[in-house]
């Protein structure tokens, strides 16, 4: 790994590599994990919520080690990966009696944020059973919501950290590479939206998107100590028309390239999707372009 270079948004210079070598030499017998934590503390490399960027730092150290730039101590312990042999969420019994009603007849509708609550298993189970993509464990910052009406779950929504590079979105915002690196955390990506298949309520989906836009930033700040200024999602036009997003005033920003984030071939290898966005504040460009 030649220096200077950039790793996960951080510039790594030759003097940084020298500092890491000295750091390792000054802490003989310390585990790789503890070395990473100490380096984060020395560099003040922290997330917005104050937590150390420990996993990112460990990735950097391992990359430098494999490139021959540094020599890490031997691995002491490899913890089991709970996602490698993840058991699917346990199916739950649920009343599937059809719900056919006008939106006003379904009120009151409760949107419950279930991340890090006992009800999170409801979300996981419903996604696994009824979403065509099934359930996937999110990584990074994310929130999960279950929507209830008449004592029954009727919908689920999931939001997570936004992709780092998305051409149509980046052009719409107009931010620089440095501004994107600094401010990407202020975007949230709608990864899943499920209306349960026995629920037939006109305008329910756009109604939920409108309500989510009013509360998501506050919920995010409560858990992760920073707000959200912009929402985004993908729509696969081979499966969906994205009508509910347009009805909720989301904006069509453009199309994906169909190559994925780790593509090395510059060839289309997956379906091309529409990119839609929704500003949560009129000042979103000003806020997201700050460096």
Protein backbone atom coordinates (compact mmCIF):
# COMPACT_ATOMS: atom_id res chain seq x y z
CA UNK A 1 0.00 0.00 0.00
CA UNK A 2 1.97 3.02 -1.21
CA UNK A 3 1.85 6.25 0.75
CA UNK A 4 0.42 8.80 0.52
CA UNK A 5 -2.96 7.22 -0.21
CA UNK A 6 -6.54 7.41 1.02
CA UNK A 7 -8.26 4.76 3.11
CA UNK A 8 -11.97 5.03 3.91
CA UNK A 9 -11.83 8.79 3.48
CA UNK A 10 -8.66 9.33 5.53
CA UNK A 11 -5.40 10.38 3.87
CA UNK A 12 -2.51 8.13 4.93
CA UNK A 13 0.89 9.75 4.42
CA UNK A 14 4.41 8.38 4.73
CA UNK A 15 4.81 10.00 8.14
CA UNK A 16 1.60 8.27 9.30
CA UNK A 17 3.08 4.89 8.40
CA UNK A 18 6.21 5.80 10.36
CA UNK A 19 4.05 6.80 13.32
CA UNK A 20 2.22 3.46 13.18
CA UNK A 21 5.53 1.57 13.18
CA UNK A 22 6.65 3.52 16.24
CA UNK A 23 3.24 2.97 17.82
CA UNK A 24 3.63 -0.81 17.42
CA UNK A 25 7.19 -0.74 18.75
CA UNK A 26 6.14 1.23 21.84
CA UNK A 27 3.43 -1.30 22.75
CA UNK A 28 5.05 -4.74 22.55
CA UNK A 29 2.80 -7.62 23.45
CA UNK A 30 -0.38 -5.65 22.83
CA UNK A 31 -3.09 -7.31 20.74
CA UNK A 32 -4.04 -6.07 17.28
CA UNK A 33 -7.37 -4.88 18.63
CA UNK A 34 -5.78 -2.85 21.40
CA UNK A 35 -3.24 -1.39 18.97
CA UNK A 36 -6.12 -0.26 16.79
CA UNK A 37 -7.91 1.35 19.74
CA UNK A 38 -4.75 3.15 20.88
CA UNK A 39 -4.13 4.43 17.36
CA UNK A 40 -7.69 5.76 17.12
CA UNK A 41 -7.18 7.54 20.43
CA UNK A 42 -3.86 9.02 19.28
CA UNK A 43 -5.37 10.24 16.00
CA UNK A 44 -8.75 11.19 17.55
CA UNK A 45 -10.27 9.01 14.85
CA UNK A 46 -13.89 8.87 16.02
CA UNK A 47 -17.40 8.51 14.71
CA UNK A 48 -19.94 11.31 15.02
CA UNK A 49 -21.30 9.71 18.20
CA UNK A 50 -17.84 9.71 19.80
CA UNK A 51 -17.15 5.99 19.35
CA UNK A 52 -13.70 5.04 18.08
CA UNK A 53 -13.39 4.06 14.40
CA UNK A 54 -11.93 0.78 15.63
CA UNK A 55 -13.06 -1.57 12.85
CA UNK A 56 -12.01 0.85 10.10
CA UNK A 57 -8.63 1.32 11.79
CA UNK A 58 -8.14 -2.44 12.06
CA UNK A 59 -8.83 -2.74 8.36
CA UNK A 60 -6.17 -0.10 7.65
CA UNK A 61 -3.60 -1.86 9.84
CA UNK A 62 -4.28 -5.20 8.18
CA UNK A 63 -3.95 -3.65 4.72
CA UNK A 64 -0.62 -2.03 5.64
CA UNK A 65 0.54 -5.34 7.15
CA UNK A 66 -0.31 -7.29 3.97
CA UNK A 67 1.47 -4.66 1.87
CA UNK A 68 4.64 -5.10 3.94
CA UNK A 69 4.53 -1.54 5.27
CA UNK A 70 4.19 -2.60 8.93
CA UNK A 71 4.50 -5.79 10.99
CA UNK A 72 1.53 -6.60 13.19
CA UNK A 73 1.76 -9.00 16.14
CA UNK A 74 0.39 -12.51 15.57
CA UNK A 75 -3.36 -13.03 15.77
CA UNK A 76 -4.28 -14.11 19.28
CA UNK A 77 -7.94 -14.92 18.90
CA UNK A 78 -10.43 -15.10 16.06
CA UNK A 79 -13.91 -14.47 17.45
CA UNK A 80 -16.79 -16.38 15.89
CA UNK A 81 -18.67 -14.46 13.23
CA UNK A 82 -22.36 -14.55 14.17
CA UNK A 83 -23.31 -13.59 10.59
CA UNK A 84 -21.35 -16.42 8.94
CA UNK A 85 -23.82 -19.03 10.21
CA UNK A 86 -26.74 -16.76 10.93
CA UNK A 87 -29.98 -18.53 11.59
CA UNK A 88 -32.93 -16.94 9.79
CA UNK A 89 -35.33 -15.01 12.02
CA UNK A 90 -37.88 -17.20 13.74
CA UNK A 91 -41.25 -17.13 11.94
CA UNK A 92 -44.08 -15.66 14.00
CA UNK A 93 -47.74 -16.46 13.87
CA UNK A 94 -49.62 -13.51 12.51
CA UNK A 95 -53.23 -12.80 11.63
CA UNK A 96 -53.39 -12.61 7.83
CA UNK A 97 -57.06 -11.70 7.60
CA UNK A 98 -57.25 -9.19 4.75
CA UNK A 99 -57.37 -5.52 5.67
CA UNK A 100 -59.30 -3.59 3.02
CA UNK A 101 -60.18 -0.09 4.10
CA UNK A 102 -59.79 3.58 3.40
CA UNK A 103 -56.78 5.21 5.03
CA UNK A 104 -58.97 7.26 7.40
CA UNK A 105 -60.69 4.07 8.56
CA UNK A 106 -57.35 2.54 9.56
CA UNK A 107 -56.39 5.34 11.96
CA UNK A 108 -54.75 5.58 14.38
CA UNK A 109 -51.59 4.27 12.72
CA UNK A 110 -48.53 3.88 14.97
CA UNK A 111 -44.99 3.89 13.55
CA UNK A 112 -42.70 2.21 16.07
CA UNK A 113 -38.89 2.44 15.90
CA UNK A 114 -37.79 -1.03 17.02
CA UNK A 115 -34.00 -0.94 16.63
CA UNK A 116 -32.41 -2.10 19.91
CA UNK A 117 -35.81 -2.92 21.43
CA UNK A 118 -37.50 -6.25 22.19
CA UNK A 119 -39.83 -5.67 19.21
CA UNK A 120 -36.92 -5.76 16.74
CA UNK A 121 -37.55 -9.49 16.28
CA UNK A 122 -40.97 -8.61 14.83
CA UNK A 123 -39.31 -6.60 12.10
CA UNK A 124 -36.73 -9.31 11.32
CA UNK A 125 -39.35 -12.03 11.14
CA UNK A 126 -41.78 -10.10 8.95
CA UNK A 127 -39.02 -9.12 6.50
CA UNK A 128 -37.78 -12.70 6.28
CA UNK A 129 -41.25 -14.08 5.63
CA UNK A 130 -42.86 -11.48 3.40
CA UNK A 131 -40.25 -9.31 1.62
CA UNK A 132 -39.10 -10.70 -1.72
CA UNK A 133 -35.46 -10.04 -0.76
CA UNK A 134 -35.81 -11.59 2.69
CA UNK A 135 -34.05 -10.29 5.78
CA UNK A 136 -30.42 -9.16 5.79
CA UNK A 137 -28.59 -7.94 8.88
CA UNK A 138 -27.67 -4.27 8.24
CA UNK A 139 -24.22 -2.92 9.06
CA UNK A 140 -23.35 0.56 10.22
CA UNK A 141 -25.94 3.07 11.35
CA UNK A 142 -29.51 1.93 10.74
CA UNK A 143 -33.06 2.12 12.05
CA UNK A 144 -35.96 -0.33 11.78
CA UNK A 145 -39.66 0.48 11.97
CA UNK A 146 -42.80 -1.62 12.37
CA UNK A 147 -46.13 0.04 11.55
CA UNK A 148 -49.21 -0.99 13.56
CA UNK A 149 -52.94 -0.45 13.09
CA UNK A 150 -55.89 -2.09 14.79
CA UNK A 151 -53.47 -4.03 16.97
CA UNK A 152 -51.77 -5.69 13.97
CA UNK A 153 -48.53 -5.03 12.08
CA UNK A 154 -49.26 -3.68 8.60
CA UNK A 155 -45.88 -2.50 7.27
CA UNK A 156 -42.11 -2.35 7.89
CA UNK A 157 -39.45 0.16 6.83
CA UNK A 158 -35.67 0.06 7.18
CA UNK A 159 -33.16 2.90 6.82
CA UNK A 160 -29.37 2.66 6.79
CA UNK A 161 -26.19 4.56 5.99
CA UNK A 162 -26.06 5.76 2.39
CA UNK A 163 -23.74 4.35 -0.32
CA UNK A 164 -20.46 6.27 -0.55
CA UNK A 165 -20.56 6.87 -4.31
CA UNK A 166 -23.76 7.49 -6.26
CA UNK A 167 -23.28 9.61 -9.35
CA UNK A 168 -26.79 10.99 -9.91
CA UNK A 169 -27.20 11.81 -6.22
CA UNK A 170 -23.78 13.43 -5.94
CA UNK A 171 -24.47 15.62 -8.98
CA UNK A 172 -27.87 16.63 -7.57
CA UNK A 173 -26.35 17.66 -4.24
CA UNK A 174 -23.36 19.28 -5.95
CA UNK A 175 -20.87 18.45 -3.21
CA UNK A 176 -17.13 17.99 -3.58
CA UNK A 177 -15.30 14.77 -2.79
CA UNK A 178 -14.18 16.23 0.52
CA UNK A 179 -17.67 17.45 1.40
CA UNK A 180 -19.10 14.03 0.59
CA UNK A 181 -16.52 12.37 2.84
CA UNK A 182 -17.37 14.73 5.70
CA UNK A 183 -21.15 14.73 5.31
CA UNK A 184 -22.25 11.34 3.95
CA UNK A 185 -23.41 10.44 7.46
CA UNK A 186 -26.20 13.02 7.11
CA UNK A 187 -27.91 10.88 4.44
CA UNK A 188 -30.17 7.88 5.08
CA UNK A 189 -30.98 5.16 2.56
CA UNK A 190 -34.38 3.43 2.52
CA UNK A 191 -33.19 -0.18 2.16
CA UNK A 192 -36.52 -1.94 2.72
CA UNK A 193 -40.19 -0.96 2.47
CA UNK A 194 -42.78 -3.67 3.00
CA UNK A 195 -46.55 -3.36 3.02
CA UNK A 196 -47.75 -6.74 4.24
CA UNK A 197 -49.43 -8.61 1.38
CA UNK A 198 -52.93 -8.84 2.94
CA UNK A 199 -53.08 -5.06 3.53
CA UNK A 200 -54.95 -3.21 0.77
CA UNK A 201 -55.26 0.41 1.81
CA UNK A 202 -55.04 3.08 -0.92
CA UNK A 203 -52.40 5.77 -0.31
CA UNK A 204 -50.98 3.95 2.74
CA UNK A 205 -47.44 3.71 1.35
CA UNK A 206 -47.11 7.41 0.46
CA UNK A 207 -48.72 8.34 3.79
CA UNK A 208 -46.06 6.35 5.66
CA UNK A 209 -43.24 7.91 3.63
CA UNK A 210 -44.56 11.36 4.47
CA UNK A 211 -44.69 10.56 8.17
CA UNK A 212 -41.22 9.03 8.10
CA UNK A 213 -39.82 12.21 6.56
CA UNK A 214 -41.12 14.16 9.57
CA UNK A 215 -39.57 11.96 12.26
CA UNK A 216 -36.55 10.12 10.87
CA UNK A 217 -33.95 12.81 11.55
CA UNK A 218 -35.00 13.15 15.19
CA UNK A 219 -34.97 9.38 15.68
CA UNK A 220 -31.54 9.14 14.06
CA UNK A 221 -30.13 11.88 16.23
CA UNK A 222 -31.49 10.21 19.34
CA UNK A 223 -29.57 7.00 18.55
CA UNK A 224 -26.52 8.26 16.65
CA UNK A 225 -26.13 11.87 17.84
CA UNK A 226 -26.45 13.54 14.44
CA UNK A 227 -29.39 14.57 12.21
CA UNK A 228 -30.34 13.51 8.68
CA UNK A 229 -30.73 16.07 5.89
CA UNK A 230 -31.46 13.93 2.83
CA UNK A 231 -33.18 10.60 2.08
CA UNK A 232 -32.56 8.32 -0.89
CA UNK A 233 -33.63 4.95 -2.26
CA UNK A 234 -33.41 2.70 -5.32
CA UNK A 235 -36.39 1.45 -7.32
CA UNK A 236 -36.05 -1.49 -9.70
CA UNK A 237 -38.26 -0.49 -12.67
CA UNK A 238 -38.44 -4.13 -13.80
CA UNK A 239 -40.46 -4.85 -10.64
CA UNK A 240 -41.94 -1.57 -9.41
CA UNK A 241 -43.02 1.84 -10.66
CA UNK A 242 -42.13 3.76 -7.50
CA UNK A 243 -45.56 5.41 -7.47
CA UNK A 244 -45.70 5.81 -3.69
CA UNK A 245 -42.38 7.68 -3.64
CA UNK A 246 -43.50 10.07 -6.35
CA UNK A 247 -46.80 10.59 -4.56
CA UNK A 248 -44.80 11.51 -1.45
CA UNK A 249 -42.85 14.12 -3.50
CA UNK A 250 -39.60 12.18 -3.84
CA UNK A 251 -37.47 13.35 -6.78
CA UNK A 252 -36.12 11.14 -9.57
CA UNK A 253 -32.38 11.88 -9.55
CA UNK A 254 -31.25 9.51 -12.31
CA UNK A 255 -30.20 5.92 -12.84
CA UNK A 256 -27.53 3.65 -11.40
CA UNK A 257 -24.78 2.36 -13.69
CA UNK A 258 -25.67 -1.28 -13.05
CA UNK A 259 -22.13 -2.10 -12.00
CA UNK A 260 -22.19 -2.14 -8.19
CA UNK A 261 -19.84 -0.52 -5.70
CA UNK A 262 -16.94 -2.97 -6.08
CA UNK A 263 -16.95 -3.28 -9.88
CA UNK A 264 -13.56 -3.59 -11.56
CA UNK A 265 -14.76 -4.43 -15.11
CA UNK A 266 -16.78 -1.31 -16.07
CA UNK A 267 -19.45 -3.67 -17.40
CA UNK A 268 -23.10 -3.82 -16.42
CA UNK A 269 -23.58 -6.84 -14.14
CA UNK A 270 -26.90 -6.13 -12.42
CA UNK A 271 -30.23 -4.42 -13.09
CA UNK A 272 -30.19 -0.66 -13.57
CA UNK A 273 -32.27 1.08 -10.91
CA UNK A 274 -33.86 4.47 -10.54
CA UNK A 275 -32.37 6.71 -7.85
CA UNK A 276 -34.88 8.81 -5.91
CA UNK A 277 -34.16 11.42 -3.26
CA UNK A 278 -36.01 13.55 -0.74
CA UNK A 279 -34.51 16.63 0.98
CA UNK A 280 -35.53 16.98 4.62
CA UNK A 281 -34.63 20.68 4.75
CA UNK A 282 -34.55 23.48 2.14
CA UNK A 283 -30.92 24.09 3.22
CA UNK A 284 -29.78 20.54 2.42
CA UNK A 285 -27.27 21.63 -0.25
CA UNK A 286 -25.75 24.30 1.97
CA UNK A 287 -25.45 21.88 4.88
CA UNK A 288 -24.08 18.98 2.81
CA UNK A 289 -21.53 21.08 0.95
CA UNK A 290 -19.80 22.25 4.12
CA UNK A 291 -16.24 21.02 4.72
